Amino acid sequence: MTAQSEWPSPKRLPDAVIRAVIATAFVVLTVATIVRLWSRGGPYLDAPRTIVDHADRMDAPWVANPTRTPLEVIPRLARFIPRGAEVACFRPLAGQQQYDTSSFLTAVGQLPRNRVLPAFTARVDTPRPLLAEYVIAIDEPFTHPAYRLIAQVPHGRLYKVER
């Protein structure tokens, strides 16, 4: 007796069973894709305004992405900022600067022609010559006495220091 004859011959599933398994898998995956897209909300066929639009709302629907607003505001205000200018970007807290990592890092990526500085360069106790030349304030107004408003867009304001 040879080694080949000891192995049982593989039994082939009927074609109808194979087709049924493939059709079932297709239906399940199609329904899962539709549910996933529906949970993210519309518009379904339009290009998103930012890279964080249509992020998965099923995982954390109560959490707003902190980079969404800076991604919309910074490009709109960038046209008012000259090349090479120093810029600080943050969400003011009670009208004053605060350390805002998401806005700062978004500005670093969105303003390659400028020198992006951390928020502490716009503190009230910073001497005027050391203040950031421009400040992008996200959502709230910035009330530093050395800065004046030069541009405003929805959810954002651009300030320039008066030296």
C-alpha atoms as a PDB file:
ATOM      1  CA  MET A   1       0.000   0.000   0.000  1.00  0.00           C
ATOM      2  CA  THR A   2       1.400   3.374  -0.960  1.00  0.00           C
ATOM      3  CA  ALA A   3       1.371   6.561   1.075  1.00  0.00           C
ATOM      4  CA  GLN A   4      -1.020   8.235  -1.340  1.00  0.00           C
ATOM      5  CA  SER A   5      -3.772   5.724  -0.864  1.00  0.00           C
ATOM      6  CA  GLU A   6      -3.761   6.166   2.936  1.00  0.00           C
ATOM      7  CA  TRP A   7      -5.038   9.725   2.690  1.00  0.00           C
ATOM      8  CA  PRO A   8      -8.756  10.130   2.250  1.00  0.00           C
ATOM      9  CA  SER A   9      -9.684  11.849  -0.951  1.00  0.00           C
ATOM     10  CA  PRO A  10     -10.855  15.430  -0.404  1.00  0.00           C
ATOM     11  CA  LYS A  11     -14.550  15.903  -0.884  1.00  0.00           C
ATOM     12  CA  ARG A  12     -15.564  18.830  -2.988  1.00  0.00           C
ATOM     13  CA  LEU A  13     -18.453  20.955  -1.814  1.00  0.00           C
ATOM     14  CA  PRO A  14     -21.296  21.247  -4.252  1.00  0.00           C
ATOM     15  CA  ASP A  15     -21.263  24.395  -6.386  1.00  0.00           C
ATOM     16  CA  ALA A  16     -24.629  25.463  -4.964  1.00  0.00           C
ATOM     17  CA  VAL A  17     -23.180  25.556  -1.413  1.00  0.00           C
ATOM     18  CA  ILE A  18     -20.149  27.581  -2.550  1.00  0.00           C
ATOM     19  CA  ARG A  19     -22.379  30.086  -4.346  1.00  0.00           C
ATOM     20  CA  ALA A  20     -24.649  30.389  -1.281  1.00  0.00           C
ATOM     21  CA  VAL A  21     -21.671  31.104   1.005  1.00  0.00           C
ATOM     22  CA  ILE A  22     -20.303  33.747  -1.381  1.00  0.00           C
ATOM     23  CA  ALA A  23     -23.736  35.402  -1.765  1.00  0.00           C
ATOM     24  CA  THR A  24     -24.277  35.441   2.014  1.00  0.00           C
ATOM     25  CA  ALA A  25     -20.847  36.975   2.623  1.00  0.00           C
ATOM     26  CA  PHE A  26     -21.530  39.590  -0.073  1.00  0.00           C
ATOM     27  CA  VAL A  27     -24.854  40.579   1.508  1.00  0.00           C
ATOM     28  CA  VAL A  28     -23.399  40.737   5.041  1.00  0.00           C
ATOM     29  CA  LEU A  29     -20.438  42.896   3.967  1.00  0.00           C
ATOM     30  CA  THR A  30     -22.646  45.196   1.867  1.00  0.00           C
ATOM     31  CA  VAL A  31     -25.042  45.751   4.781  1.00  0.00           C
ATOM     32  CA  ALA A  32     -22.099  46.387   7.143  1.00  0.00           C
ATOM     33  CA  THR A  33     -20.654  48.983   4.733  1.00  0.00           C
ATOM     34  CA  ILE A  34     -24.007  50.754   4.380  1.00  0.00           C
ATOM     35  CA  VAL A  35     -24.507  50.852   8.167  1.00  0.00           C
ATOM     36  CA  ARG A  36     -20.971  52.222   8.639  1.00  0.00           C
ATOM     37  CA  LEU A  37     -21.461  54.978   6.039  1.00  0.00           C
ATOM     38  CA  TRP A  38     -24.903  55.861   7.387  1.00  0.00           C
ATOM     39  CA  SER A  39     -23.544  56.156  10.951  1.00  0.00           C
ATOM     40  CA  ARG A  40     -20.943  58.694   9.789  1.00  0.00           C
ATOM     41  CA  GLY A  41     -23.632  60.929   8.374  1.00  0.00           C
ATOM     42  CA  GLY A  42     -24.001  62.645   5.048  1.00  0.00           C
ATOM     43  CA  PRO A  43     -23.241  64.022   2.605  1.00  0.00           C
ATOM     44  CA  TYR A  44     -22.204  60.659   1.276  1.00  0.00           C
ATOM     45  CA  LEU A  45     -20.837  61.465  -2.167  1.00  0.00           C
ATOM     46  CA  ASP A  46     -19.437  64.965  -1.575  1.00  0.00           C
ATOM     47  CA  ALA A  47     -15.790  65.605  -0.802  1.00  0.00           C
ATOM     48  CA  PRO A  48     -15.281  66.392   2.901  1.00  0.00           C
ATOM     49  CA  ARG A  49     -14.204  69.929   3.840  1.00  0.00           C
ATOM     50  CA  THR A  50     -11.462  68.666   6.164  1.00  0.00           C
ATOM     51  CA  ILE A  51      -9.592  65.423   6.665  1.00  0.00           C
ATOM     52  CA  VAL A  52     -11.468  64.758   9.905  1.00  0.00           C
ATOM     53  CA  ASP A  53     -14.957  65.026   8.412  1.00  0.00           C
ATOM     54  CA  HIS A  54     -16.805  61.750   8.371  1.00  0.00           C
ATOM     55  CA  ALA A  55     -14.608  60.445  11.181  1.00  0.00           C
ATOM     56  CA  ASP A  56     -16.236  57.548  12.935  1.00  0.00           C
ATOM     57  CA  ARG A  57     -19.047  58.958  15.044  1.00  0.00           C
ATOM     58  CA  MET A  58     -20.017  55.522  16.332  1.00  0.00           C
ATOM     59  CA  ASP A  59     -16.860  55.257  18.433  1.00  0.00           C
ATOM     60  CA  ALA A  60     -17.311  58.546  20.280  1.00  0.00           C
ATOM     61  CA  PRO A  61     -20.317  60.593  19.132  1.00  0.00           C
ATOM     62  CA  TRP A  62     -20.023  62.957  22.124  1.00  0.00           C
ATOM     63  CA  VAL A  63     -16.434  63.999  21.301  1.00  0.00           C
ATOM     64  CA  ALA A  64     -15.855  66.806  18.803  1.00  0.00           C
ATOM     65  CA  ASN A  65     -12.566  66.585  16.966  1.00  0.00           C
ATOM     66  CA  PRO A  66     -10.423  69.503  18.227  1.00  0.00           C
ATOM     67  CA  THR A  67      -8.585  69.892  14.915  1.00  0.00           C
ATOM     68  CA  ARG A  68     -11.659  70.338  12.714  1.00  0.00           C
ATOM     69  CA  THR A  69     -12.176  74.060  13.356  1.00  0.00           C
ATOM     70  CA  PRO A  70      -8.477  75.030  12.993  1.00  0.00           C
ATOM     71  CA  LEU A  71      -8.344  73.058   9.734  1.00  0.00           C
ATOM     72  CA  GLU A  72     -11.143  75.255   8.379  1.00  0.00           C
ATOM     73  CA  VAL A  73     -10.054  78.593   9.881  1.00  0.00           C
ATOM     74  CA  ILE A  74      -6.279  78.659   9.318  1.00  0.00           C
ATOM     75  CA  PRO A  75      -6.312  78.406   5.485  1.00  0.00           C
ATOM     76  CA  ARG A  76      -8.884  81.215   5.306  1.00  0.00           C
ATOM     77  CA  LEU A  77      -6.763  83.540   7.443  1.00  0.00           C
ATOM     78  CA  ALA A  78      -3.387  82.503   5.961  1.00  0.00           C
ATOM     79  CA  ARG A  79      -3.863  84.795   2.962  1.00  0.00           C
ATOM     80  CA  PHE A  80      -3.665  87.833   5.286  1.00  0.00           C
ATOM     81  CA  ILE A  81      -0.337  86.752   6.815  1.00  0.00           C
ATOM     82  CA  PRO A  82       2.855  87.690   4.948  1.00  0.00           C
ATOM     83  CA  ARG A  83       5.482  85.056   4.191  1.00  0.00           C
ATOM     84  CA  GLY A  84       7.952  84.547   7.039  1.00  0.00           C
ATOM     85  CA  ALA A  85       5.782  86.200   9.716  1.00  0.00           C
ATOM     86  CA  GLU A  86       5.659  84.803  13.248  1.00  0.00           C
ATOM     87  CA  VAL A  87       2.241  83.344  14.083  1.00  0.00           C
ATOM     88  CA  ALA A  88       0.709  81.917  17.242  1.00  0.00           C
ATOM     89  CA  CYS A  89      -2.511  79.904  17.016  1.00  0.00           C
ATOM     90  CA  PHE A  90      -4.718  78.871  19.934  1.00  0.00           C
ATOM     91  CA  ARG A  91      -8.230  78.870  21.410  1.00  0.00           C
ATOM     92  CA  PRO A  92      -8.355  81.806  23.841  1.00  0.00           C
ATOM     93  CA  LEU A  93      -9.653  81.100  27.317  1.00  0.00           C
ATOM     94  CA  ALA A  94     -11.420  84.114  28.845  1.00  0.00           C
ATOM     95  CA  GLY A  95      -9.822  86.262  26.154  1.00  0.00           C
ATOM     96  CA  GLN A  96      -6.266  85.236  27.017  1.00  0.00           C
ATOM     97  CA  GLN A  97      -3.813  82.761  25.533  1.00  0.00           C
ATOM     98  CA  GLN A  98      -3.751  79.159  26.632  1.00  0.00           C
ATOM     99  CA  TYR A  99      -1.674  76.203  25.538  1.00  0.00           C
ATOM    100  CA  ASP A 100      -3.704  74.492  22.824  1.00  0.00           C
ATOM    101  CA  THR A 101      -1.790  71.607  21.277  1.00  0.00           C
ATOM    102  CA  SER A 102      -4.276  70.740  18.548  1.00  0.00           C
ATOM    103  CA  SER A 103      -4.480  74.296  17.178  1.00  0.00           C
ATOM    104  CA  PHE A 104      -0.703  74.813  17.451  1.00  0.00           C
ATOM    105  CA  LEU A 105       0.177  71.594  15.608  1.00  0.00           C
ATOM    106  CA  THR A 106      -2.493  72.216  12.986  1.00  0.00           C
ATOM    107  CA  ALA A 107      -0.986  75.667  12.367  1.00  0.00           C
ATOM    108  CA  VAL A 108       2.476  74.122  12.018  1.00  0.00           C
ATOM    109  CA  GLY A 109       1.147  71.929   9.219  1.00  0.00           C
ATOM    110  CA  GLN A 110      -1.078  74.548   7.582  1.00  0.00           C
ATOM    111  CA  LEU A 111       1.373  77.462   7.600  1.00  0.00           C
ATOM    112  CA  PRO A 112       4.607  76.203   6.018  1.00  0.00           C
ATOM    113  CA  ARG A 113       5.537  79.722   4.825  1.00  0.00           C
ATOM    114  CA  ASN A 114       5.433  81.118   8.353  1.00  0.00           C
ATOM    115  CA  ARG A 115       7.174  80.601  11.665  1.00  0.00           C
ATOM    116  CA  VAL A 116       4.584  79.156  14.037  1.00  0.00           C
ATOM    117  CA  LEU A 117       5.252  79.941  17.693  1.00  0.00           C
ATOM    118  CA  PRO A 118       3.673  78.446  20.819  1.00  0.00           C
ATOM    119  CA  ALA A 119       0.834  80.276  22.561  1.00  0.00           C
ATOM    120  CA  PHE A 120       2.966  81.609  25.413  1.00  0.00           C
ATOM    121  CA  THR A 121       4.502  84.112  22.959  1.00  0.00           C
ATOM    122  CA  ALA A 122       1.217  86.031  23.189  1.00  0.00           C
ATOM    123  CA  ARG A 123       0.923  86.237  26.974  1.00  0.00           C
ATOM    124  CA  VAL A 124      -0.009  89.536  28.593  1.00  0.00           C
ATOM    125  CA  ASP A 125       3.266  89.697  30.568  1.00  0.00           C
ATOM    126  CA  THR A 126       5.459  89.139  27.474  1.00  0.00           C
ATOM    127  CA  PRO A 127       7.376  92.298  26.438  1.00  0.00           C
ATOM    128  CA  ARG A 128       6.076  93.799  23.171  1.00  0.00           C
ATOM    129  CA  PRO A 129       9.246  93.140  21.141  1.00  0.00           C
ATOM    130  CA  LEU A 130       8.966  89.413  21.979  1.00  0.00           C
ATOM    131  CA  LEU A 131       5.267  89.004  21.162  1.00  0.00           C
ATOM    132  CA  ALA A 132       4.273  86.884  18.171  1.00  0.00           C
ATOM    133  CA  GLU A 133       3.587  89.167  15.209  1.00  0.00           C
ATOM    134  CA  TYR A 134       0.210  87.555  14.402  1.00  0.00           C
ATOM    135  CA  VAL A 135      -2.282  85.559  16.459  1.00  0.00           C
ATOM    136  CA  ILE A 136      -4.976  83.295  15.060  1.00  0.00           C
ATOM    137  CA  ALA A 137      -7.700  82.955  17.683  1.00  0.00           C
ATOM    138  CA  ILE A 138      -9.998  79.970  17.216  1.00  0.00           C
ATOM    139  CA  ASP A 139     -13.682  80.264  18.236  1.00  0.00           C
ATOM    140  CA  GLU A 140     -13.284  83.002  20.875  1.00  0.00           C
ATOM    141  CA  PRO A 141     -11.989  86.603  20.716  1.00  0.00           C
ATOM    142  CA  PHE A 142      -8.473  87.429  21.949  1.00  0.00           C
ATOM    143  CA  THR A 143      -8.362  90.468  24.271  1.00  0.00           C
ATOM    144  CA  HIS A 144      -4.634  91.191  24.587  1.00  0.00           C
ATOM    145  CA  PRO A 145      -4.190  95.007  24.659  1.00  0.00           C
ATOM    146  CA  ALA A 146      -1.186  94.940  22.277  1.00  0.00           C
ATOM    147  CA  TYR A 147      -3.095  93.227  19.432  1.00  0.00           C
ATOM    148  CA  ARG A 148      -5.673  94.615  17.025  1.00  0.00           C
ATOM    149  CA  LEU A 149      -8.147  92.639  14.944  1.00  0.00           C
ATOM    150  CA  ILE A 150      -7.322  92.664  11.213  1.00  0.00           C
ATOM    151  CA  ALA A 151      -9.478  89.839   9.805  1.00  0.00           C
ATOM    152  CA  GLN A 152     -12.376  87.681  10.871  1.00  0.00           C
ATOM    153  CA  VAL A 153     -13.909  84.511   9.415  1.00  0.00           C
ATOM    154  CA  PRO A 154     -16.503  82.149  10.901  1.00  0.00           C
ATOM    155  CA  HIS A 155     -14.972  80.625  14.062  1.00  0.00           C
ATOM    156  CA  GLY A 156     -11.683  82.506  13.738  1.00  0.00           C
ATOM    157  CA  ARG A 157      -9.992  85.868  14.071  1.00  0.00           C
ATOM    158  CA  LEU A 158      -6.589  87.184  13.058  1.00  0.00           C
ATOM    159  CA  TYR A 159      -4.795  89.736  15.217  1.00  0.00           C
ATOM    160  CA  LYS A 160      -1.626  91.734  14.571  1.00  0.00           C
ATOM    161  CA  VAL A 161       0.596  93.155  17.295  1.00  0.00           C
ATOM    162  CA  GLU A 162       1.004  96.916  17.452  1.00  0.00           C
ATOM    163  CA  ARG A 163       4.655  97.608  18.240  1.00  0.00           C
END
